[in-house]
Amino acid sequence: MTAVTNSAPQYLLGSLPRILIILHQHNSSSGKLGQMLRAKGFDLDIRRPRYGEPLPETMDDHAGAVIFGGPMSANDPDDFIKREIDWIGVPLAEKAPFLGLCLGAQMLAKHMGAAVTAHPQGCVEVGFYDLQSTDAGDRLTHWPQTVYQWHREGFELPADSQLLATSEMFENQAFSVGDTAYGIQFHSELTYAMACRWSVKGEERTHLPGAQQRPAHLSGWVRHDPAVRQWLDGFIDLWTAGDRRSCSRAA
């Protein structure tokens, strides 16, 4: 029998390890990512700092943290945006698993001093677009070929990070910081219900330069989600196994 000593992080001492889920709207969802985390034995601690819910001072009670996307910009002056960007320093300093998706990836880049800007020709990625992995990305995992995007800003590659994937319109699509933090521009968490909702509520964005119309969003999900799901399943395991915090176990 294996016992965990008192020097272990607190998240190892509870009944289920918890993942901190940071969302930005009342109706936002962790989607397929949240479903898969639960299936793998994690509890979800969902918080919305935009509406006054606090962020933890340490990652002692959490096995990882994910900042999801939203309609706002990492450049917005809102206090909650600044708080989230600053807070990213907590998991980075503790070498706890951190994942930023879309806005969350841009926040990670901005925390590290990189710029978040619109496309120089005003183009957007809204719909399904091809993804190209780098040599570093190939060494990490087998990436999906086509992924779902919903953004009009991108990020520069931060210093001391490694580029993992690119696309034609917005070059920087995924990067890593050390072994525990990742920024990913695309939406691997997307469910079919989310694709339906986003393409209706955000219908005006499907008419912006470079965007795809709503039928391509729905048919694209049916065609491409199996490969994205397979990638996400393996990536979650890789990400959560990368915890670099000290943990003592005695047999």
C-alpha atoms as a PDB file:
ATOM      1  CA  MET A   1       0.000   0.000   0.000  1.00  0.00           C
ATOM      2  CA  THR A   2       1.277   3.476  -0.907  1.00  0.00           C
ATOM      3  CA  ALA A   3       0.780   6.392   1.477  1.00  0.00           C
ATOM      4  CA  VAL A   4       1.125  10.075   0.601  1.00  0.00           C
ATOM      5  CA  THR A   5       3.094  12.016   3.180  1.00  0.00           C
ATOM      6  CA  ASN A   6       2.097  15.425   4.517  1.00  0.00           C
ATOM      7  CA  SER A   7       4.688  17.053   2.254  1.00  0.00           C
ATOM      8  CA  ALA A   8       2.559  16.239  -0.802  1.00  0.00           C
ATOM      9  CA  PRO A   9       0.510  18.995  -2.471  1.00  0.00           C
ATOM     10  CA  GLN A  10      -2.930  19.255  -0.913  1.00  0.00           C
ATOM     11  CA  TYR A  11      -4.674  18.287  -4.162  1.00  0.00           C
ATOM     12  CA  LEU A  12      -3.218  14.781  -3.731  1.00  0.00           C
ATOM     13  CA  LEU A  13      -4.766  14.389  -0.300  1.00  0.00           C
ATOM     14  CA  GLY A  14      -8.420  14.790  -1.271  1.00  0.00           C
ATOM     15  CA  SER A  15     -10.849  12.299  -2.743  1.00  0.00           C
ATOM     16  CA  LEU A  16     -10.409  13.626  -6.301  1.00  0.00           C
ATOM     17  CA  PRO A  17      -7.670  15.811  -7.794  1.00  0.00           C
ATOM     18  CA  ARG A  18      -9.118  19.166  -8.843  1.00  0.00           C
ATOM     19  CA  ILE A  19      -8.549  21.170 -12.005  1.00  0.00           C
ATOM     20  CA  LEU A  20      -9.191  24.919 -11.788  1.00  0.00           C
ATOM     21  CA  ILE A  21     -11.445  25.969 -14.686  1.00  0.00           C
ATOM     22  CA  ILE A  22     -11.532  29.715 -15.443  1.00  0.00           C
ATOM     23  CA  LEU A  23     -14.456  30.867 -17.615  1.00  0.00           C
ATOM     24  CA  HIS A  24     -15.534  34.323 -18.795  1.00  0.00           C
ATOM     25  CA  GLN A  25     -19.305  34.308 -19.312  1.00  0.00           C
ATOM     26  CA  HIS A  26     -22.289  33.024 -17.331  1.00  0.00           C
ATOM     27  CA  ASN A  27     -23.170  30.535 -20.087  1.00  0.00           C
ATOM     28  CA  SER A  28     -19.592  29.474 -20.879  1.00  0.00           C
ATOM     29  CA  SER A  29     -18.738  25.781 -20.714  1.00  0.00           C
ATOM     30  CA  SER A  30     -15.568  23.735 -20.400  1.00  0.00           C
ATOM     31  CA  GLY A  31     -17.035  21.593 -23.166  1.00  0.00           C
ATOM     32  CA  LYS A  32     -15.388  18.383 -24.276  1.00  0.00           C
ATOM     33  CA  LEU A  33     -12.248  19.177 -22.248  1.00  0.00           C
ATOM     34  CA  GLY A  34     -14.235  19.294 -19.021  1.00  0.00           C
ATOM     35  CA  GLN A  35     -16.082  16.107 -19.909  1.00  0.00           C
ATOM     36  CA  MET A  36     -12.830  14.274 -20.579  1.00  0.00           C
ATOM     37  CA  LEU A  37     -11.169  15.563 -17.412  1.00  0.00           C
ATOM     38  CA  ARG A  38     -14.091  14.229 -15.352  1.00  0.00           C
ATOM     39  CA  ALA A  39     -13.909  10.891 -17.165  1.00  0.00           C
ATOM     40  CA  LYS A  40     -10.214  10.697 -16.230  1.00  0.00           C
ATOM     41  CA  GLY A  41     -10.990  11.147 -12.535  1.00  0.00           C
ATOM     42  CA  PHE A  42     -10.619  14.902 -12.009  1.00  0.00           C
ATOM     43  CA  ASP A  43     -13.019  17.210 -10.220  1.00  0.00           C
ATOM     44  CA  LEU A  44     -13.624  20.652 -11.772  1.00  0.00           C
ATOM     45  CA  ASP A  45     -13.373  23.826  -9.695  1.00  0.00           C
ATOM     46  CA  ILE A  46     -15.152  26.310 -11.971  1.00  0.00           C
ATOM     47  CA  ARG A  47     -14.596  30.010 -11.333  1.00  0.00           C
ATOM     48  CA  ARG A  48     -15.520  33.192 -13.178  1.00  0.00           C
ATOM     49  CA  PRO A  49     -13.281  36.065 -12.000  1.00  0.00           C
ATOM     50  CA  ARG A  50     -15.205  38.433 -14.261  1.00  0.00           C
ATOM     51  CA  TYR A  51     -18.107  38.153 -11.821  1.00  0.00           C
ATOM     52  CA  GLY A  52     -16.061  38.531  -8.651  1.00  0.00           C
ATOM     53  CA  GLU A  53     -15.053  34.940  -7.944  1.00  0.00           C
ATOM     54  CA  PRO A  54     -11.500  34.835  -6.534  1.00  0.00           C
ATOM     55  CA  LEU A  55      -8.479  33.012  -7.882  1.00  0.00           C
ATOM     56  CA  PRO A  56      -6.370  30.905  -5.496  1.00  0.00           C
ATOM     57  CA  GLU A  57      -3.169  32.357  -4.077  1.00  0.00           C
ATOM     58  CA  THR A  58      -1.360  29.058  -4.639  1.00  0.00           C
ATOM     59  CA  MET A  59      -1.922  25.889  -6.657  1.00  0.00           C
ATOM     60  CA  ASP A  60      -1.679  23.694  -3.555  1.00  0.00           C
ATOM     61  CA  ASP A  61      -5.300  22.583  -3.886  1.00  0.00           C
ATOM     62  CA  HIS A  62      -5.264  22.021  -7.650  1.00  0.00           C
ATOM     63  CA  ALA A  63      -3.673  19.534 -10.036  1.00  0.00           C
ATOM     64  CA  GLY A  64      -3.754  22.095 -12.857  1.00  0.00           C
ATOM     65  CA  ALA A  65      -5.488  25.192 -14.220  1.00  0.00           C
ATOM     66  CA  VAL A  66      -7.143  26.071 -17.528  1.00  0.00           C
ATOM     67  CA  ILE A  67      -8.080  29.567 -18.719  1.00  0.00           C
ATOM     68  CA  PHE A  68     -10.651  29.333 -21.504  1.00  0.00           C
ATOM     69  CA  GLY A  69     -11.649  31.795 -24.225  1.00  0.00           C
ATOM     70  CA  GLY A  70     -14.177  34.599 -24.383  1.00  0.00           C
ATOM     71  CA  PRO A  71     -15.311  37.528 -26.536  1.00  0.00           C
ATOM     72  CA  MET A  72     -13.050  39.991 -24.735  1.00  0.00           C
ATOM     73  CA  SER A  73      -9.418  40.853 -25.566  1.00  0.00           C
ATOM     74  CA  ALA A  74      -6.289  40.292 -23.516  1.00  0.00           C
ATOM     75  CA  ASN A  75      -5.642  43.988 -24.203  1.00  0.00           C
ATOM     76  CA  ASP A  76      -8.885  45.168 -22.571  1.00  0.00           C
ATOM     77  CA  PRO A  77      -8.463  47.455 -19.535  1.00  0.00           C
ATOM     78  CA  ASP A  78     -10.932  45.545 -17.327  1.00  0.00           C
ATOM     79  CA  ASP A  79      -9.608  44.693 -13.864  1.00  0.00           C
ATOM     80  CA  PHE A  80     -10.450  40.983 -14.196  1.00  0.00           C
ATOM     81  CA  ILE A  81      -8.388  40.750 -17.396  1.00  0.00           C
ATOM     82  CA  LYS A  82      -5.373  42.256 -15.650  1.00  0.00           C
ATOM     83  CA  ARG A  83      -5.898  40.027 -12.595  1.00  0.00           C
ATOM     84  CA  GLU A  84      -6.011  36.857 -14.683  1.00  0.00           C
ATOM     85  CA  ILE A  85      -2.919  37.812 -16.674  1.00  0.00           C
ATOM     86  CA  ASP A  86      -1.006  38.556 -13.470  1.00  0.00           C
ATOM     87  CA  TRP A  87      -2.326  35.400 -11.777  1.00  0.00           C
ATOM     88  CA  ILE A  88      -0.795  33.165 -14.459  1.00  0.00           C
ATOM     89  CA  GLY A  89       2.481  33.774 -12.630  1.00  0.00           C
ATOM     90  CA  VAL A  90       1.211  31.505  -9.824  1.00  0.00           C
ATOM     91  CA  PRO A  91       1.133  28.191 -11.759  1.00  0.00           C
ATOM     92  CA  LEU A  92       4.232  29.198 -13.729  1.00  0.00           C
ATOM     93  CA  ALA A  93       6.244  29.872 -10.566  1.00  0.00           C
ATOM     94  CA  GLU A  94       5.051  26.647  -8.927  1.00  0.00           C
ATOM     95  CA  LYS A  95       5.544  24.586 -12.121  1.00  0.00           C
ATOM     96  CA  ALA A  96       1.964  23.394 -11.882  1.00  0.00           C
ATOM     97  CA  PRO A  97       0.197  22.350 -15.084  1.00  0.00           C
ATOM     98  CA  PHE A  98      -1.325  25.377 -16.852  1.00  0.00           C
ATOM     99  CA  LEU A  99      -3.254  25.507 -20.101  1.00  0.00           C
ATOM    100  CA  GLY A 100      -4.496  28.613 -21.907  1.00  0.00           C
ATOM    101  CA  LEU A 101      -7.061  28.213 -24.696  1.00  0.00           C
ATOM    102  CA  CYS A 102      -7.669  31.022 -27.225  1.00  0.00           C
ATOM    103  CA  LEU A 103      -7.989  34.077 -24.921  1.00  0.00           C
ATOM    104  CA  GLY A 104      -6.172  32.063 -22.258  1.00  0.00           C
ATOM    105  CA  ALA A 105      -3.267  31.460 -24.655  1.00  0.00           C
ATOM    106  CA  GLN A 106      -3.141  35.168 -25.464  1.00  0.00           C
ATOM    107  CA  MET A 107      -3.128  35.954 -21.742  1.00  0.00           C
ATOM    108  CA  LEU A 108      -0.206  33.572 -21.232  1.00  0.00           C
ATOM    109  CA  ALA A 109       1.694  35.238 -24.075  1.00  0.00           C
ATOM    110  CA  LYS A 110       0.941  38.693 -22.678  1.00  0.00           C
ATOM    111  CA  HIS A 111       2.016  37.634 -19.167  1.00  0.00           C
ATOM    112  CA  MET A 112       5.359  36.681 -20.684  1.00  0.00           C
ATOM    113  CA  GLY A 113       5.769  40.038 -22.405  1.00  0.00           C
ATOM    114  CA  ALA A 114       4.592  39.165 -25.922  1.00  0.00           C
ATOM    115  CA  ALA A 115       2.155  41.328 -27.894  1.00  0.00           C
ATOM    116  CA  VAL A 116      -1.429  40.360 -28.706  1.00  0.00           C
ATOM    117  CA  THR A 117      -2.577  42.012 -31.940  1.00  0.00           C
ATOM    118  CA  ALA A 118      -5.135  41.828 -34.745  1.00  0.00           C
ATOM    119  CA  HIS A 119      -4.229  40.464 -38.165  1.00  0.00           C
ATOM    120  CA  PRO A 120      -2.533  43.214 -40.249  1.00  0.00           C
ATOM    121  CA  GLN A 121      -5.136  42.794 -43.039  1.00  0.00           C
ATOM    122  CA  GLY A 122      -8.069  42.549 -40.632  1.00  0.00           C
ATOM    123  CA  CYS A 123      -8.586  38.822 -41.245  1.00  0.00           C
ATOM    124  CA  VAL A 124     -10.031  36.444 -38.665  1.00  0.00           C
ATOM    125  CA  GLU A 125     -10.085  32.707 -38.098  1.00  0.00           C
ATOM    126  CA  VAL A 126     -13.710  31.710 -37.481  1.00  0.00           C
ATOM    127  CA  GLY A 127     -14.406  28.115 -38.474  1.00  0.00           C
ATOM    128  CA  PHE A 128     -12.159  25.152 -39.290  1.00  0.00           C
ATOM    129  CA  TYR A 129      -8.575  25.738 -40.480  1.00  0.00           C
ATOM    130  CA  ASP A 130      -5.558  23.567 -41.181  1.00  0.00           C
ATOM    131  CA  LEU A 131      -2.860  23.257 -38.525  1.00  0.00           C
ATOM    132  CA  GLN A 132       0.828  22.559 -39.122  1.00  0.00           C
ATOM    133  CA  SER A 133       2.967  21.200 -36.313  1.00  0.00           C
ATOM    134  CA  THR A 134       6.616  22.161 -35.876  1.00  0.00           C
ATOM    135  CA  ASP A 135       9.459  19.708 -35.273  1.00  0.00           C
ATOM    136  CA  ALA A 136       9.142  20.458 -31.550  1.00  0.00           C
ATOM    137  CA  GLY A 137       5.410  19.855 -31.744  1.00  0.00           C
ATOM    138  CA  ASP A 138       5.915  16.529 -33.512  1.00  0.00           C
ATOM    139  CA  ARG A 139       8.224  15.373 -30.757  1.00  0.00           C
ATOM    140  CA  LEU A 140       5.530  16.181 -28.201  1.00  0.00           C
ATOM    141  CA  THR A 141       2.376  14.699 -29.729  1.00  0.00           C
ATOM    142  CA  HIS A 142       0.555  13.916 -32.969  1.00  0.00           C
ATOM    143  CA  TRP A 143      -1.506  17.042 -33.696  1.00  0.00           C
ATOM    144  CA  PRO A 144      -4.863  17.131 -35.508  1.00  0.00           C
ATOM    145  CA  GLN A 145      -4.720  18.341 -39.092  1.00  0.00           C
ATOM    146  CA  THR A 146      -7.760  20.644 -38.934  1.00  0.00           C
ATOM    147  CA  VAL A 147      -8.996  22.540 -35.875  1.00  0.00           C
ATOM    148  CA  TYR A 148     -11.761  24.951 -34.852  1.00  0.00           C
ATOM    149  CA  GLN A 149     -10.915  28.614 -34.459  1.00  0.00           C
ATOM    150  CA  TRP A 150     -12.869  31.620 -33.208  1.00  0.00           C
ATOM    151  CA  HIS A 151     -10.614  34.664 -32.872  1.00  0.00           C
ATOM    152  CA  ARG A 152      -9.616  37.944 -34.481  1.00  0.00           C
ATOM    153  CA  GLU A 153      -6.393  38.495 -32.543  1.00  0.00           C
ATOM    154  CA  GLY A 154      -3.227  36.458 -32.326  1.00  0.00           C
ATOM    155  CA  PHE A 155      -0.075  36.499 -30.228  1.00  0.00           C
ATOM    156  CA  GLU A 156       3.620  36.899 -30.771  1.00  0.00           C
ATOM    157  CA  LEU A 157       5.746  33.973 -29.652  1.00  0.00           C
ATOM    158  CA  PRO A 158       6.971  34.769 -26.126  1.00  0.00           C
ATOM    159  CA  ALA A 159      10.646  34.689 -25.267  1.00  0.00           C
ATOM    160  CA  ASP A 160      11.769  31.443 -23.584  1.00  0.00           C
ATOM    161  CA  SER A 161       8.921  29.495 -25.156  1.00  0.00           C
ATOM    162  CA  GLN A 162       8.793  26.835 -27.855  1.00  0.00           C
ATOM    163  CA  LEU A 163       6.536  27.013 -30.915  1.00  0.00           C
ATOM    164  CA  LEU A 164       4.563  23.785 -31.363  1.00  0.00           C
ATOM    165  CA  ALA A 165       2.051  24.509 -34.142  1.00  0.00           C
ATOM    166  CA  THR A 166       1.281  27.131 -36.781  1.00  0.00           C
ATOM    167  CA  SER A 167      -1.400  28.078 -39.291  1.00  0.00           C
ATOM    168  CA  GLU A 168      -1.351  30.058 -42.522  1.00  0.00           C
ATOM    169  CA  MET A 169      -3.332  33.089 -41.350  1.00  0.00           C
ATOM    170  CA  PHE A 170      -2.159  33.403 -37.722  1.00  0.00           C
ATOM    171  CA  GLU A 171       1.305  31.892 -37.551  1.00  0.00           C
ATOM    172  CA  ASN A 172       1.559  31.128 -33.844  1.00  0.00           C
ATOM    173  CA  GLN A 173      -1.025  28.545 -32.837  1.00  0.00           C
ATOM    174  CA  ALA A 174       0.487  26.603 -29.931  1.00  0.00           C
ATOM    175  CA  PHE A 175       3.506  27.041 -27.674  1.00  0.00           C
ATOM    176  CA  SER A 176       4.942  25.596 -24.505  1.00  0.00           C
ATOM    177  CA  VAL A 177       6.658  27.207 -21.538  1.00  0.00           C
ATOM    178  CA  GLY A 178       8.930  24.675 -19.887  1.00  0.00           C
ATOM    179  CA  ASP A 179       7.315  21.281 -19.379  1.00  0.00           C
ATOM    180  CA  THR A 180       4.127  22.369 -17.635  1.00  0.00           C
ATOM    181  CA  ALA A 181       2.493  25.344 -19.404  1.00  0.00           C
ATOM    182  CA  TYR A 182       0.854  25.484 -22.826  1.00  0.00           C
ATOM    183  CA  GLY A 183      -0.903  28.150 -24.861  1.00  0.00           C
ATOM    184  CA  ILE A 184      -3.191  26.867 -27.623  1.00  0.00           C
ATOM    185  CA  GLN A 185      -5.105  29.213 -29.928  1.00  0.00           C
ATOM    186  CA  PHE A 186      -7.692  26.749 -31.246  1.00  0.00           C
ATOM    187  CA  HIS A 187     -10.773  25.336 -29.506  1.00  0.00           C
ATOM    188  CA  SER A 188     -10.272  21.614 -28.942  1.00  0.00           C
ATOM    189  CA  GLU A 189     -12.978  21.762 -26.245  1.00  0.00           C
ATOM    190  CA  LEU A 190     -15.703  22.430 -28.831  1.00  0.00           C
ATOM    191  CA  THR A 191     -18.823  20.230 -28.728  1.00  0.00           C
ATOM    192  CA  TYR A 192     -21.443  20.132 -31.461  1.00  0.00           C
ATOM    193  CA  ALA A 193     -23.840  22.069 -29.213  1.00  0.00           C
ATOM    194  CA  MET A 194     -21.199  24.768 -28.730  1.00  0.00           C
ATOM    195  CA  ALA A 195     -20.623  25.012 -32.505  1.00  0.00           C
ATOM    196  CA  CYS A 196     -24.372  25.466 -32.996  1.00  0.00           C
ATOM    197  CA  ARG A 197     -24.607  28.130 -30.283  1.00  0.00           C
ATOM    198  CA  TRP A 198     -21.499  30.115 -31.241  1.00  0.00           C
ATOM    199  CA  SER A 199     -22.354  30.218 -34.942  1.00  0.00           C
ATOM    200  CA  VAL A 200     -25.833  31.590 -34.118  1.00  0.00           C
ATOM    201  CA  LYS A 201     -25.015  34.038 -31.320  1.00  0.00           C
ATOM    202  CA  GLY A 202     -21.846  35.224 -33.073  1.00  0.00           C
ATOM    203  CA  GLU A 203     -23.277  35.018 -36.594  1.00  0.00           C
ATOM    204  CA  GLU A 204     -21.971  38.467 -37.528  1.00  0.00           C
ATOM    205  CA  ARG A 205     -18.390  37.226 -37.118  1.00  0.00           C
ATOM    206  CA  THR A 206     -18.930  34.543 -39.759  1.00  0.00           C
ATOM    207  CA  HIS A 207     -19.039  37.369 -42.333  1.00  0.00           C
ATOM    208  CA  LEU A 208     -15.679  38.911 -41.416  1.00  0.00           C
ATOM    209  CA  PRO A 209     -12.692  38.586 -43.802  1.00  0.00           C
ATOM    210  CA  GLY A 210     -11.354  35.033 -43.716  1.00  0.00           C
ATOM    211  CA  ALA A 211     -14.297  33.598 -41.746  1.00  0.00           C
ATOM    212  CA  GLN A 212     -16.387  30.591 -42.755  1.00  0.00           C
ATOM    213  CA  GLN A 213     -20.172  30.473 -42.937  1.00  0.00           C
ATOM    214  CA  ARG A 214     -22.260  28.582 -40.388  1.00  0.00           C
ATOM    215  CA  PRO A 215     -22.841  25.376 -42.458  1.00  0.00           C
ATOM    216  CA  ALA A 216     -19.060  24.854 -42.642  1.00  0.00           C
ATOM    217  CA  HIS A 217     -18.857  25.046 -38.830  1.00  0.00           C
ATOM    218  CA  LEU A 218     -21.390  22.265 -38.338  1.00  0.00           C
ATOM    219  CA  SER A 219     -20.261  19.951 -41.129  1.00  0.00           C
ATOM    220  CA  GLY A 220     -16.643  20.587 -40.143  1.00  0.00           C
ATOM    221  CA  TRP A 221     -17.294  19.457 -36.581  1.00  0.00           C
ATOM    222  CA  VAL A 222     -18.741  16.141 -37.789  1.00  0.00           C
ATOM    223  CA  ARG A 223     -15.777  15.613 -40.118  1.00  0.00           C
ATOM    224  CA  HIS A 224     -12.901  16.739 -37.896  1.00  0.00           C
ATOM    225  CA  ASP A 225     -13.962  16.143 -34.286  1.00  0.00           C
ATOM    226  CA  PRO A 226     -12.919  12.449 -34.105  1.00  0.00           C
ATOM    227  CA  ALA A 227      -9.273  13.357 -34.786  1.00  0.00           C
ATOM    228  CA  VAL A 228      -9.421  16.345 -32.417  1.00  0.00           C
ATOM    229  CA  ARG A 229     -10.969  14.181 -29.693  1.00  0.00           C
ATOM    230  CA  GLN A 230      -8.247  11.560 -30.088  1.00  0.00           C
ATOM    231  CA  TRP A 231      -5.549  14.239 -29.866  1.00  0.00           C
ATOM    232  CA  LEU A 232      -7.166  15.891 -26.841  1.00  0.00           C
ATOM    233  CA  ASP A 233      -7.417  12.593 -24.973  1.00  0.00           C
ATOM    234  CA  GLY A 234      -3.668  12.036 -25.284  1.00  0.00           C
ATOM    235  CA  PHE A 235      -2.788  15.676 -24.689  1.00  0.00           C
ATOM    236  CA  ILE A 236      -4.683  15.767 -21.383  1.00  0.00           C
ATOM    237  CA  ASP A 237      -2.642  12.804 -20.159  1.00  0.00           C
ATOM    238  CA  LEU A 238       0.599  14.449 -21.284  1.00  0.00           C
ATOM    239  CA  TRP A 239      -0.347  17.778 -19.710  1.00  0.00           C
ATOM    240  CA  THR A 240      -1.476  16.467 -16.332  1.00  0.00           C
ATOM    241  CA  ALA A 241       1.530  14.126 -16.106  1.00  0.00           C
ATOM    242  CA  GLY A 242       3.868  17.086 -16.470  1.00  0.00           C
ATOM    243  CA  ASP A 243       3.404  18.323 -12.893  1.00  0.00           C
ATOM    244  CA  ARG A 244       6.862  19.376 -11.632  1.00  0.00           C
ATOM    245  CA  ARG A 245       5.918  20.080  -8.025  1.00  0.00           C
ATOM    246  CA  SER A 246       7.719  18.077  -5.367  1.00  0.00           C
ATOM    247  CA  CYS A 247       5.725  15.139  -4.083  1.00  0.00           C
ATOM    248  CA  SER A 248       7.012  12.592  -1.585  1.00  0.00           C
ATOM    249  CA  ARG A 249       5.510   9.129  -1.402  1.00  0.00           C
ATOM    250  CA  ALA A 250       6.483   6.399   1.005  1.00  0.00           C
ATOM    251  CA  ALA A 251       5.712   2.767   0.360  1.00  0.00           C
END
